[in-house]
Amino acid sequence: MTPKILIIGACGQIGSELTHKLRSIHGKDNVIASDISYTNLDIVNSGTFEILDAQDYTSVKVCIDKHEINTVYLMAAMLSATGEKYPMKAWDLNMESLFHVLNLAKEGFIKKLFWPSSIAVFGPTTPKEQTPQYTIMEPSTVYGMTKQVGERWCEYYNKQYGVDVRSIRYPGIISWKTMPGGGTTDYAVEIYHKAIAEKTYECFLSEDTELPMMFMDDAIKATIDIMDAKPENIKIRSSYNLSALSFTPKDITQSIQKHLPEFTITYNPDFRQKIADTWPNSIDDSKARVDWNWEHSFSLDDITSEMLTNLEKKVLQKN
């Protein structure tokens, strides 16, 4: 089956880079990008683009029919920090959009579906070190609640209706190409931007807050790898734990100071600290590594080098 792909939420942090990568693999005519507005002209102008509201079932179905789509990546979501400000909007967006694509897959309009989960499914009662694939999940945020419930529905639709849905629990994602979208791990992107622009940063998490993180290139690789895997190798249809490395704001500061010794940081934890305190320090992703050969590539120092080098280039280009 030649993939004819629709990416819903293609203008977001992960969606935008996933769109470019999939277009480089399958050709721009086979990867349709969509979002609720023209917020990312780079995506809009690099191939076929559709305005699409993920909460509108009819519009999603019309788009799938129009472009003869067989594979969907649902990347539209309201993330943790933003979701706490608008809890009902987060619930409605995150759940309605998932049900729409699950039902379209159940009805045969979609052959393969990717839906991202998150470490936000875990909560304060979850083991924090090397969090297992199967463990206590009592999320304390609306975002985490939507992801936990979504995982159960994905597995249900797979078992009851044979829907080929695949999912991974993303850790914090770091990228120099796009700004973050309202998540609790956003500091790990902001800190690099501030290091280049101002040589100082006020962090909204405490210096010893350890969280699972990943460079965007690894996250995109994992997303494509799980979708390319043979169906029989995908043994977990709720969502796979996924990890690369864990670090604290203090760790990332020390990594930056190897390149920019003058860089300084201060700490002023806000409401996001309470969210971060409920999440794991590290993740056991051995199931993904065994089932579909997941393997990460970037260390913290690798990430720092990539971030600072490319952000400096962007600044020079603007000037």
C-alpha atoms as a PDB file:
ATOM      1  CA  MET A   1       0.000   0.000   0.000  1.00  0.00           C
ATOM      2  CA  THR A   2       1.447   3.333  -1.061  1.00  0.00           C
ATOM      3  CA  PRO A   3       0.975   5.731   1.868  1.00  0.00           C
ATOM      4  CA  LYS A   4      -1.351   8.643   1.192  1.00  0.00           C
ATOM      5  CA  ILE A   5      -0.926  10.576   4.388  1.00  0.00           C
ATOM      6  CA  LEU A   6      -2.961  13.247   6.199  1.00  0.00           C
ATOM      7  CA  ILE A   7      -1.335  15.091   9.095  1.00  0.00           C
ATOM      8  CA  ILE A   8      -3.883  16.801  11.338  1.00  0.00           C
ATOM      9  CA  GLY A   9      -2.227  19.546  13.381  1.00  0.00           C
ATOM     10  CA  ALA A  10       0.652  19.908  10.914  1.00  0.00           C
ATOM     11  CA  CYS A  11       1.561  23.433  12.019  1.00  0.00           C
ATOM     12  CA  GLY A  12       2.439  22.455  15.587  1.00  0.00           C
ATOM     13  CA  GLN A  13       5.853  21.762  17.111  1.00  0.00           C
ATOM     14  CA  ILE A  14       6.019  18.058  16.233  1.00  0.00           C
ATOM     15  CA  GLY A  15       3.557  18.144  13.343  1.00  0.00           C
ATOM     16  CA  SER A  16       5.571  20.639  11.314  1.00  0.00           C
ATOM     17  CA  GLU A  17       8.815  18.673  11.440  1.00  0.00           C
ATOM     18  CA  LEU A  18       6.980  15.390  10.901  1.00  0.00           C
ATOM     19  CA  THR A  19       5.371  16.871   7.783  1.00  0.00           C
ATOM     20  CA  HIS A  20       8.716  17.848   6.268  1.00  0.00           C
ATOM     21  CA  LYS A  21      10.243  14.463   7.055  1.00  0.00           C
ATOM     22  CA  LEU A  22       7.354  12.463   5.619  1.00  0.00           C
ATOM     23  CA  ARG A  23       7.316  14.644   2.497  1.00  0.00           C
ATOM     24  CA  SER A  24      11.032  13.978   2.012  1.00  0.00           C
ATOM     25  CA  ILE A  25      10.320  10.235   2.207  1.00  0.00           C
ATOM     26  CA  HIS A  26       7.017   9.886   0.327  1.00  0.00           C
ATOM     27  CA  GLY A  27       6.904  13.055  -1.815  1.00  0.00           C
ATOM     28  CA  LYS A  28       4.953  16.232  -1.142  1.00  0.00           C
ATOM     29  CA  ASP A  29       1.976  15.086  -3.212  1.00  0.00           C
ATOM     30  CA  ASN A  30       1.465  12.079  -0.932  1.00  0.00           C
ATOM     31  CA  VAL A  31       1.535  14.002   2.354  1.00  0.00           C
ATOM     32  CA  ILE A  32      -1.370  16.380   2.971  1.00  0.00           C
ATOM     33  CA  ALA A  33      -0.816  18.887   5.776  1.00  0.00           C
ATOM     34  CA  SER A  34      -3.761  20.380   7.647  1.00  0.00           C
ATOM     35  CA  ASP A  35      -4.405  22.692  10.569  1.00  0.00           C
ATOM     36  CA  ILE A  36      -7.036  25.077  11.878  1.00  0.00           C
ATOM     37  CA  SER A  37      -5.287  28.171  10.429  1.00  0.00           C
ATOM     38  CA  TYR A  38      -2.382  29.330   8.260  1.00  0.00           C
ATOM     39  CA  THR A  39      -0.059  29.718  11.248  1.00  0.00           C
ATOM     40  CA  ASN A  40       3.001  28.137   9.647  1.00  0.00           C
ATOM     41  CA  LEU A  41       3.650  29.436   6.128  1.00  0.00           C
ATOM     42  CA  ASP A  42       6.619  27.110   5.736  1.00  0.00           C
ATOM     43  CA  ILE A  43       4.231  24.147   5.970  1.00  0.00           C
ATOM     44  CA  VAL A  44       1.463  25.858   4.008  1.00  0.00           C
ATOM     45  CA  ASN A  45       3.757  26.645   1.081  1.00  0.00           C
ATOM     46  CA  SER A  46       5.748  23.404   0.937  1.00  0.00           C
ATOM     47  CA  GLY A  47       2.979  21.138  -0.355  1.00  0.00           C
ATOM     48  CA  THR A  48      -0.775  20.556  -0.333  1.00  0.00           C
ATOM     49  CA  PHE A  49      -2.394  22.214   2.679  1.00  0.00           C
ATOM     50  CA  GLU A  50      -5.984  22.120   3.937  1.00  0.00           C
ATOM     51  CA  ILE A  51      -7.708  24.208   6.609  1.00  0.00           C
ATOM     52  CA  LEU A  52      -9.194  21.552   8.871  1.00  0.00           C
ATOM     53  CA  ASP A  53     -10.868  21.587  12.270  1.00  0.00           C
ATOM     54  CA  ALA A  54      -9.986  18.324  14.030  1.00  0.00           C
ATOM     55  CA  GLN A  55     -13.238  18.567  16.022  1.00  0.00           C
ATOM     56  CA  ASP A  56     -15.392  18.599  12.867  1.00  0.00           C
ATOM     57  CA  TYR A  57     -16.046  14.980  11.850  1.00  0.00           C
ATOM     58  CA  THR A  58     -17.573  15.870   8.487  1.00  0.00           C
ATOM     59  CA  SER A  59     -14.666  18.109   7.482  1.00  0.00           C
ATOM     60  CA  VAL A  60     -12.130  15.421   8.407  1.00  0.00           C
ATOM     61  CA  LYS A  61     -14.030  12.789   6.407  1.00  0.00           C
ATOM     62  CA  VAL A  62     -14.389  15.087   3.372  1.00  0.00           C
ATOM     63  CA  CYS A  63     -10.634  15.770   3.425  1.00  0.00           C
ATOM     64  CA  ILE A  64      -9.854  12.049   3.655  1.00  0.00           C
ATOM     65  CA  ASP A  65     -12.191  11.283   0.745  1.00  0.00           C
ATOM     66  CA  LYS A  66     -10.908  14.171  -1.359  1.00  0.00           C
ATOM     67  CA  HIS A  67      -7.267  13.123  -1.130  1.00  0.00           C
ATOM     68  CA  GLU A  68      -7.846   9.332  -0.951  1.00  0.00           C
ATOM     69  CA  ILE A  69      -6.058   9.189   2.391  1.00  0.00           C
ATOM     70  CA  ASN A  70      -5.159   5.827   3.917  1.00  0.00           C
ATOM     71  CA  THR A  71      -2.847   6.922   6.772  1.00  0.00           C
ATOM     72  CA  VAL A  72      -3.532   9.617   9.377  1.00  0.00           C
ATOM     73  CA  TYR A  73      -1.264  11.226  11.974  1.00  0.00           C
ATOM     74  CA  LEU A  74      -3.421  13.052  14.527  1.00  0.00           C
ATOM     75  CA  MET A  75      -1.038  15.643  16.010  1.00  0.00           C
ATOM     76  CA  ALA A  76      -3.628  18.260  17.049  1.00  0.00           C
ATOM     77  CA  ALA A  77      -3.888  18.670  20.826  1.00  0.00           C
ATOM     78  CA  MET A  78      -3.955  21.183  23.647  1.00  0.00           C
ATOM     79  CA  LEU A  79      -0.898  20.536  25.817  1.00  0.00           C
ATOM     80  CA  SER A  80      -0.450  20.369  29.586  1.00  0.00           C
ATOM     81  CA  ALA A  81       0.213  23.955  30.668  1.00  0.00           C
ATOM     82  CA  THR A  82      -2.322  25.500  28.272  1.00  0.00           C
ATOM     83  CA  GLY A  83      -4.831  22.777  29.100  1.00  0.00           C
ATOM     84  CA  GLU A  84      -4.809  23.739  32.783  1.00  0.00           C
ATOM     85  CA  LYS A  85      -5.912  27.248  31.801  1.00  0.00           C
ATOM     86  CA  TYR A  86      -8.714  25.964  29.540  1.00  0.00           C
ATOM     87  CA  PRO A  87      -9.640  22.517  30.906  1.00  0.00           C
ATOM     88  CA  MET A  88     -12.907  21.935  29.045  1.00  0.00           C
ATOM     89  CA  LYS A  89     -11.480  23.182  25.757  1.00  0.00           C
ATOM     90  CA  ALA A  90      -8.538  20.793  26.219  1.00  0.00           C
ATOM     91  CA  TRP A  91     -10.863  17.875  26.965  1.00  0.00           C
ATOM     92  CA  ASP A  92     -13.119  18.608  23.997  1.00  0.00           C
ATOM     93  CA  LEU A  93     -10.302  19.067  21.485  1.00  0.00           C
ATOM     94  CA  ASN A  94      -8.198  16.135  22.604  1.00  0.00           C
ATOM     95  CA  MET A  95     -11.057  13.640  22.908  1.00  0.00           C
ATOM     96  CA  GLU A  96     -13.333  14.641  20.025  1.00  0.00           C
ATOM     97  CA  SER A  97     -10.488  14.663  17.521  1.00  0.00           C
ATOM     98  CA  LEU A  98      -9.418  11.164  18.596  1.00  0.00           C
ATOM     99  CA  PHE A  99     -12.931   9.723  18.392  1.00  0.00           C
ATOM    100  CA  HIS A 100     -13.392  11.157  14.912  1.00  0.00           C
ATOM    101  CA  VAL A 101     -10.336   9.399  13.471  1.00  0.00           C
ATOM    102  CA  LEU A 102     -10.935   6.174  15.415  1.00  0.00           C
ATOM    103  CA  ASN A 103     -14.472   6.005  14.021  1.00  0.00           C
ATOM    104  CA  LEU A 104     -13.289   6.790  10.501  1.00  0.00           C
ATOM    105  CA  ALA A 105     -10.771   3.960  10.844  1.00  0.00           C
ATOM    106  CA  LYS A 106     -13.460   1.648  12.213  1.00  0.00           C
ATOM    107  CA  GLU A 107     -15.589   2.468   9.164  1.00  0.00           C
ATOM    108  CA  GLY A 108     -12.717   1.648   6.810  1.00  0.00           C
ATOM    109  CA  PHE A 109     -11.839   5.160   5.646  1.00  0.00           C
ATOM    110  CA  ILE A 110      -8.433   5.052   7.369  1.00  0.00           C
ATOM    111  CA  LYS A 111      -6.149   2.010   7.171  1.00  0.00           C
ATOM    112  CA  LYS A 112      -3.464   3.096   9.635  1.00  0.00           C
ATOM    113  CA  LEU A 113      -3.566   5.695  12.404  1.00  0.00           C
ATOM    114  CA  PHE A 114      -0.956   7.371  14.609  1.00  0.00           C
ATOM    115  CA  TRP A 115      -2.030   9.108  17.805  1.00  0.00           C
ATOM    116  CA  PRO A 116       0.524  10.499  20.270  1.00  0.00           C
ATOM    117  CA  SER A 117       0.274   9.950  23.985  1.00  0.00           C
ATOM    118  CA  SER A 118       2.577  11.488  26.595  1.00  0.00           C
ATOM    119  CA  ILE A 119       4.388  11.004  29.897  1.00  0.00           C
ATOM    120  CA  ALA A 120       1.531  13.176  31.225  1.00  0.00           C
ATOM    121  CA  VAL A 121      -0.498   9.940  31.598  1.00  0.00           C
ATOM    122  CA  PHE A 122       1.556   9.288  34.730  1.00  0.00           C
ATOM    123  CA  GLY A 123       0.874  10.949  38.067  1.00  0.00           C
ATOM    124  CA  PRO A 124       2.189  11.445  41.613  1.00  0.00           C
ATOM    125  CA  THR A 125       1.517   7.802  42.546  1.00  0.00           C
ATOM    126  CA  THR A 126       3.476   6.438  39.570  1.00  0.00           C
ATOM    127  CA  PRO A 127       6.981   5.053  40.264  1.00  0.00           C
ATOM    128  CA  LYS A 128       9.275   7.929  39.272  1.00  0.00           C
ATOM    129  CA  GLU A 129      12.474   6.021  38.434  1.00  0.00           C
ATOM    130  CA  GLN A 130      12.483   3.898  35.276  1.00  0.00           C
ATOM    131  CA  THR A 131       8.695   4.105  35.077  1.00  0.00           C
ATOM    132  CA  PRO A 132       7.469   0.758  33.719  1.00  0.00           C
ATOM    133  CA  GLN A 133       5.296   0.255  30.653  1.00  0.00           C
ATOM    134  CA  TYR A 134       2.502  -1.096  32.844  1.00  0.00           C
ATOM    135  CA  THR A 135       2.094   0.828  36.082  1.00  0.00           C
ATOM    136  CA  ILE A 136      -0.194   3.060  38.149  1.00  0.00           C
ATOM    137  CA  MET A 137      -1.540   5.981  36.128  1.00  0.00           C
ATOM    138  CA  GLU A 138      -3.357   8.720  38.028  1.00  0.00           C
ATOM    139  CA  PRO A 139      -2.677  11.867  35.972  1.00  0.00           C
ATOM    140  CA  SER A 140      -3.244  15.199  37.674  1.00  0.00           C
ATOM    141  CA  THR A 141      -3.734  17.371  34.563  1.00  0.00           C
ATOM    142  CA  VAL A 142      -6.555  17.509  32.047  1.00  0.00           C
ATOM    143  CA  TYR A 143      -4.021  16.847  29.286  1.00  0.00           C
ATOM    144  CA  GLY A 144      -2.822  13.726  31.079  1.00  0.00           C
ATOM    145  CA  MET A 145      -6.407  12.592  31.656  1.00  0.00           C
ATOM    146  CA  THR A 146      -7.191  12.900  27.936  1.00  0.00           C
ATOM    147  CA  LYS A 147      -4.101  10.893  27.061  1.00  0.00           C
ATOM    148  CA  GLN A 148      -4.844   8.157  29.586  1.00  0.00           C
ATOM    149  CA  VAL A 149      -8.444   7.815  28.423  1.00  0.00           C
ATOM    150  CA  GLY A 150      -7.300   8.026  24.804  1.00  0.00           C
ATOM    151  CA  GLU A 151      -4.920   5.112  25.311  1.00  0.00           C
ATOM    152  CA  ARG A 152      -7.767   2.951  26.590  1.00  0.00           C
ATOM    153  CA  TRP A 153      -9.934   3.836  23.602  1.00  0.00           C
ATOM    154  CA  CYS A 154      -7.122   3.112  21.146  1.00  0.00           C
ATOM    155  CA  GLU A 155      -6.645  -0.359  22.588  1.00  0.00           C
ATOM    156  CA  TYR A 156     -10.401  -0.907  22.642  1.00  0.00           C
ATOM    157  CA  TYR A 157     -10.826   0.023  18.975  1.00  0.00           C
ATOM    158  CA  ASN A 158      -7.929  -2.250  18.046  1.00  0.00           C
ATOM    159  CA  LYS A 159      -9.321  -5.240  19.947  1.00  0.00           C
ATOM    160  CA  GLN A 160     -12.998  -4.735  19.095  1.00  0.00           C
ATOM    161  CA  TYR A 161     -12.803  -3.430  15.539  1.00  0.00           C
ATOM    162  CA  GLY A 162      -9.299  -4.272  14.302  1.00  0.00           C
ATOM    163  CA  VAL A 163      -8.274  -0.628  13.951  1.00  0.00           C
ATOM    164  CA  ASP A 164      -4.546  -0.377  13.203  1.00  0.00           C
ATOM    165  CA  VAL A 165      -3.766   2.413  15.656  1.00  0.00           C
ATOM    166  CA  ARG A 166      -0.239   3.009  16.936  1.00  0.00           C
ATOM    167  CA  SER A 167       0.974   5.299  19.691  1.00  0.00           C
ATOM    168  CA  ILE A 168       3.984   6.383  21.730  1.00  0.00           C
ATOM    169  CA  ARG A 169       4.198   8.315  24.985  1.00  0.00           C
ATOM    170  CA  TYR A 170       6.337  11.314  24.080  1.00  0.00           C
ATOM    171  CA  PRO A 171       8.675  12.748  26.686  1.00  0.00           C
ATOM    172  CA  GLY A 172       9.642  16.442  26.521  1.00  0.00           C
ATOM    173  CA  ILE A 173      10.683  17.358  22.963  1.00  0.00           C
ATOM    174  CA  ILE A 174      13.522  19.756  22.101  1.00  0.00           C
ATOM    175  CA  SER A 175      13.790  21.456  18.701  1.00  0.00           C
ATOM    176  CA  TRP A 176      15.479  24.531  17.248  1.00  0.00           C
ATOM    177  CA  LYS A 177      13.129  24.727  14.253  1.00  0.00           C
ATOM    178  CA  THR A 178       9.848  25.429  16.022  1.00  0.00           C
ATOM    179  CA  MET A 179       8.824  27.059  19.280  1.00  0.00           C
ATOM    180  CA  PRO A 180       7.077  24.907  21.896  1.00  0.00           C
ATOM    181  CA  GLY A 181       3.316  24.849  22.178  1.00  0.00           C
ATOM    182  CA  GLY A 182       2.357  25.261  25.818  1.00  0.00           C
ATOM    183  CA  GLY A 183       3.894  22.259  27.562  1.00  0.00           C
ATOM    184  CA  THR A 184       5.538  21.872  30.959  1.00  0.00           C
ATOM    185  CA  THR A 185       8.842  20.789  29.406  1.00  0.00           C
ATOM    186  CA  ASP A 186       9.029  23.969  27.284  1.00  0.00           C
ATOM    187  CA  TYR A 187      11.870  25.351  29.409  1.00  0.00           C
ATOM    188  CA  ALA A 188      14.261  22.991  27.646  1.00  0.00           C
ATOM    189  CA  VAL A 189      13.637  24.814  24.369  1.00  0.00           C
ATOM    190  CA  GLU A 190      13.308  28.338  25.767  1.00  0.00           C
ATOM    191  CA  ILE A 191      16.613  28.080  27.611  1.00  0.00           C
ATOM    192  CA  TYR A 192      18.568  27.714  24.360  1.00  0.00           C
ATOM    193  CA  HIS A 193      16.806  30.661  22.732  1.00  0.00           C
ATOM    194  CA  LYS A 194      17.538  32.836  25.765  1.00  0.00           C
ATOM    195  CA  ALA A 195      21.141  31.605  25.915  1.00  0.00           C
ATOM    196  CA  ILE A 196      21.711  32.915  22.391  1.00  0.00           C
ATOM    197  CA  ALA A 197      19.652  36.112  22.662  1.00  0.00           C
ATOM    198  CA  GLU A 198      20.224  37.289  26.236  1.00  0.00           C
ATOM    199  CA  LYS A 199      22.888  35.013  27.804  1.00  0.00           C
ATOM    200  CA  THR A 200      20.557  34.504  30.774  1.00  0.00           C
ATOM    201  CA  TYR A 201      17.334  32.664  31.532  1.00  0.00           C
ATOM    202  CA  GLU A 202      14.733  32.607  34.311  1.00  0.00           C
ATOM    203  CA  CYS A 203      13.525  29.027  34.597  1.00  0.00           C
ATOM    204  CA  PHE A 204       9.961  28.175  35.641  1.00  0.00           C
ATOM    205  CA  LEU A 205      11.102  24.828  37.108  1.00  0.00           C
ATOM    206  CA  SER A 206      13.520  24.244  39.980  1.00  0.00           C
ATOM    207  CA  GLU A 207      17.134  23.394  39.168  1.00  0.00           C
ATOM    208  CA  ASP A 208      16.849  19.732  40.237  1.00  0.00           C
ATOM    209  CA  THR A 209      13.608  18.876  38.395  1.00  0.00           C
ATOM    210  CA  GLU A 210      14.577  15.790  36.388  1.00  0.00           C
ATOM    211  CA  LEU A 211      12.344  14.920  33.432  1.00  0.00           C
ATOM    212  CA  PRO A 212      12.544  12.554  30.442  1.00  0.00           C
ATOM    213  CA  MET A 213      13.533  14.488  27.316  1.00  0.00           C
ATOM    214  CA  MET A 214      14.297  13.845  23.663  1.00  0.00           C
ATOM    215  CA  PHE A 215      15.686  15.694  20.646  1.00  0.00           C
ATOM    216  CA  MET A 216      13.119  16.269  17.908  1.00  0.00           C
ATOM    217  CA  ASP A 217      15.029  14.190  15.350  1.00  0.00           C
ATOM    218  CA  ASP A 218      14.750  11.175  17.643  1.00  0.00           C
ATOM    219  CA  ALA A 219      11.025  11.830  18.233  1.00  0.00           C
ATOM    220  CA  ILE A 220      10.344  12.001  14.492  1.00  0.00           C
ATOM    221  CA  LYS A 221      12.377   8.841  13.909  1.00  0.00           C
ATOM    222  CA  ALA A 222      10.390   6.986  16.579  1.00  0.00           C
ATOM    223  CA  THR A 223       7.092   8.159  15.089  1.00  0.00           C
ATOM    224  CA  ILE A 224       7.993   6.963  11.607  1.00  0.00           C
ATOM    225  CA  ASP A 225       9.618   3.736  12.857  1.00  0.00           C
ATOM    226  CA  ILE A 226       6.508   2.599  14.714  1.00  0.00           C
ATOM    227  CA  MET A 227       4.321   3.369  11.694  1.00  0.00           C
ATOM    228  CA  ASP A 228       6.670   1.473   9.374  1.00  0.00           C
ATOM    229  CA  ALA A 229       6.815  -1.593  11.638  1.00  0.00           C
ATOM    230  CA  LYS A 230       4.912  -4.748  10.684  1.00  0.00           C
ATOM    231  CA  PRO A 231       1.519  -4.928  12.428  1.00  0.00           C
ATOM    232  CA  GLU A 232       2.457  -8.152  14.201  1.00  0.00           C
ATOM    233  CA  ASN A 233       5.420  -6.382  15.851  1.00  0.00           C
ATOM    234  CA  ILE A 234       3.165  -3.771  17.462  1.00  0.00           C
ATOM    235  CA  LYS A 235       2.175  -5.728  20.540  1.00  0.00           C
ATOM    236  CA  ILE A 236       0.970  -2.730  22.579  1.00  0.00           C
ATOM    237  CA  ARG A 237      -2.025  -0.897  21.145  1.00  0.00           C
ATOM    238  CA  SER A 238      -2.555   1.560  23.988  1.00  0.00           C
ATOM    239  CA  SER A 239       0.769   3.424  23.828  1.00  0.00           C
ATOM    240  CA  TYR A 240       4.464   2.582  24.127  1.00  0.00           C
ATOM    241  CA  ASN A 241       6.779   4.144  26.678  1.00  0.00           C
ATOM    242  CA  LEU A 242       9.462   6.102  24.824  1.00  0.00           C
ATOM    243  CA  SER A 243      12.652   7.573  26.198  1.00  0.00           C
ATOM    244  CA  ALA A 244      16.071   8.864  25.252  1.00  0.00           C
ATOM    245  CA  LEU A 245      17.588  10.639  28.283  1.00  0.00           C
ATOM    246  CA  SER A 246      16.646  12.466  31.472  1.00  0.00           C
ATOM    247  CA  PHE A 247      18.138  15.701  32.804  1.00  0.00           C
ATOM    248  CA  THR A 248      17.493  18.716  35.032  1.00  0.00           C
ATOM    249  CA  PRO A 249      17.631  22.467  34.316  1.00  0.00           C
ATOM    250  CA  LYS A 250      20.978  22.440  36.138  1.00  0.00           C
ATOM    251  CA  ASP A 251      22.292  19.729  33.781  1.00  0.00           C
ATOM    252  CA  ILE A 252      21.228  21.613  30.675  1.00  0.00           C
ATOM    253  CA  THR A 253      22.749  24.833  32.042  1.00  0.00           C
ATOM    254  CA  GLN A 254      26.108  23.130  32.555  1.00  0.00           C
ATOM    255  CA  SER A 255      25.941  21.724  29.024  1.00  0.00           C
ATOM    256  CA  ILE A 256      25.261  25.211  27.597  1.00  0.00           C
ATOM    257  CA  GLN A 257      28.088  26.737  29.647  1.00  0.00           C
ATOM    258  CA  LYS A 258      30.582  24.457  27.857  1.00  0.00           C
ATOM    259  CA  HIS A 259      29.815  26.593  24.778  1.00  0.00           C
ATOM    260  CA  LEU A 260      28.784  29.857  26.462  1.00  0.00           C
ATOM    261  CA  PRO A 261      30.630  30.193  29.798  1.00  0.00           C
ATOM    262  CA  GLU A 262      28.968  33.558  30.440  1.00  0.00           C
ATOM    263  CA  PHE A 263      25.453  32.050  30.409  1.00  0.00           C
ATOM    264  CA  THR A 264      23.587  32.408  33.715  1.00  0.00           C
ATOM    265  CA  ILE A 265      20.303  31.042  35.021  1.00  0.00           C
ATOM    266  CA  THR A 266      17.867  31.933  37.813  1.00  0.00           C
ATOM    267  CA  TYR A 267      14.922  29.914  39.089  1.00  0.00           C
ATOM    268  CA  ASN A 268      11.365  31.086  39.678  1.00  0.00           C
ATOM    269  CA  PRO A 269       9.101  28.011  39.720  1.00  0.00           C
ATOM    270  CA  ASP A 270       5.465  28.651  38.756  1.00  0.00           C
ATOM    271  CA  PHE A 271       2.338  26.484  38.404  1.00  0.00           C
ATOM    272  CA  ARG A 272       4.178  24.229  35.958  1.00  0.00           C
ATOM    273  CA  GLN A 273       6.414  23.022  38.779  1.00  0.00           C
ATOM    274  CA  LYS A 274       3.449  21.227  40.366  1.00  0.00           C
ATOM    275  CA  ILE A 275       2.751  19.513  37.049  1.00  0.00           C
ATOM    276  CA  ALA A 276       6.384  18.468  36.581  1.00  0.00           C
ATOM    277  CA  ASP A 277       6.517  17.090  40.129  1.00  0.00           C
ATOM    278  CA  THR A 278       3.879  14.503  39.200  1.00  0.00           C
ATOM    279  CA  TRP A 279       5.801  13.169  36.205  1.00  0.00           C
ATOM    280  CA  PRO A 280       8.508  10.483  36.036  1.00  0.00           C
ATOM    281  CA  ASN A 281      12.221  11.214  36.346  1.00  0.00           C
ATOM    282  CA  SER A 282      13.096   8.451  33.887  1.00  0.00           C
ATOM    283  CA  ILE A 283      11.258   5.981  31.634  1.00  0.00           C
ATOM    284  CA  ASP A 284      11.704   2.267  30.923  1.00  0.00           C
ATOM    285  CA  ASP A 285      11.083   1.947  27.184  1.00  0.00           C
ATOM    286  CA  SER A 286      12.425  -1.592  26.768  1.00  0.00           C
ATOM    287  CA  LYS A 287       9.170  -2.786  25.152  1.00  0.00           C
ATOM    288  CA  ALA A 288       9.625  -0.343  22.265  1.00  0.00           C
ATOM    289  CA  ARG A 289      13.282  -1.293  21.909  1.00  0.00           C
ATOM    290  CA  VAL A 290      12.404  -5.002  21.700  1.00  0.00           C
ATOM    291  CA  ASP A 291       9.151  -4.893  19.688  1.00  0.00           C
ATOM    292  CA  TRP A 292      10.094  -2.456  16.913  1.00  0.00           C
ATOM    293  CA  ASN A 293      13.802  -1.844  17.493  1.00  0.00           C
ATOM    294  CA  TRP A 294      13.562   1.693  18.872  1.00  0.00           C
ATOM    295  CA  GLU A 295      16.927   3.329  19.462  1.00  0.00           C
ATOM    296  CA  HIS A 296      17.756   6.970  20.212  1.00  0.00           C
ATOM    297  CA  SER A 297      20.806   8.826  18.880  1.00  0.00           C
ATOM    298  CA  PHE A 298      21.250  12.179  20.673  1.00  0.00           C
ATOM    299  CA  SER A 299      22.906  12.786  24.064  1.00  0.00           C
ATOM    300  CA  LEU A 300      22.419  16.024  26.043  1.00  0.00           C
ATOM    301  CA  ASP A 301      25.683  17.484  24.738  1.00  0.00           C
ATOM    302  CA  ASP A 302      24.672  16.482  21.201  1.00  0.00           C
ATOM    303  CA  ILE A 303      21.384  18.319  21.665  1.00  0.00           C
ATOM    304  CA  THR A 304      23.102  21.416  23.068  1.00  0.00           C
ATOM    305  CA  SER A 305      25.526  21.548  20.166  1.00  0.00           C
ATOM    306  CA  GLU A 306      22.722  21.192  17.610  1.00  0.00           C
ATOM    307  CA  MET A 307      20.510  23.761  19.319  1.00  0.00           C
ATOM    308  CA  LEU A 308      23.124  26.471  19.806  1.00  0.00           C
ATOM    309  CA  THR A 309      24.694  26.031  16.363  1.00  0.00           C
ATOM    310  CA  ASN A 310      21.396  26.229  14.504  1.00  0.00           C
ATOM    311  CA  LEU A 311      19.889  29.015  16.619  1.00  0.00           C
ATOM    312  CA  GLU A 312      23.010  31.119  16.036  1.00  0.00           C
ATOM    313  CA  LYS A 313      22.566  30.560  12.292  1.00  0.00           C
ATOM    314  CA  LYS A 314      18.957  31.721  12.502  1.00  0.00           C
ATOM    315  CA  VAL A 315      19.997  34.896  14.315  1.00  0.00           C
ATOM    316  CA  LEU A 316      22.671  35.622  11.690  1.00  0.00           C
ATOM    317  CA  GLN A 317      20.170  35.076   8.878  1.00  0.00           C
ATOM    318  CA  LYS A 318      17.759  37.582  10.442  1.00  0.00           C
ATOM    319  CA  ASN A 319      20.505  40.162  10.739  1.00  0.00           C
END
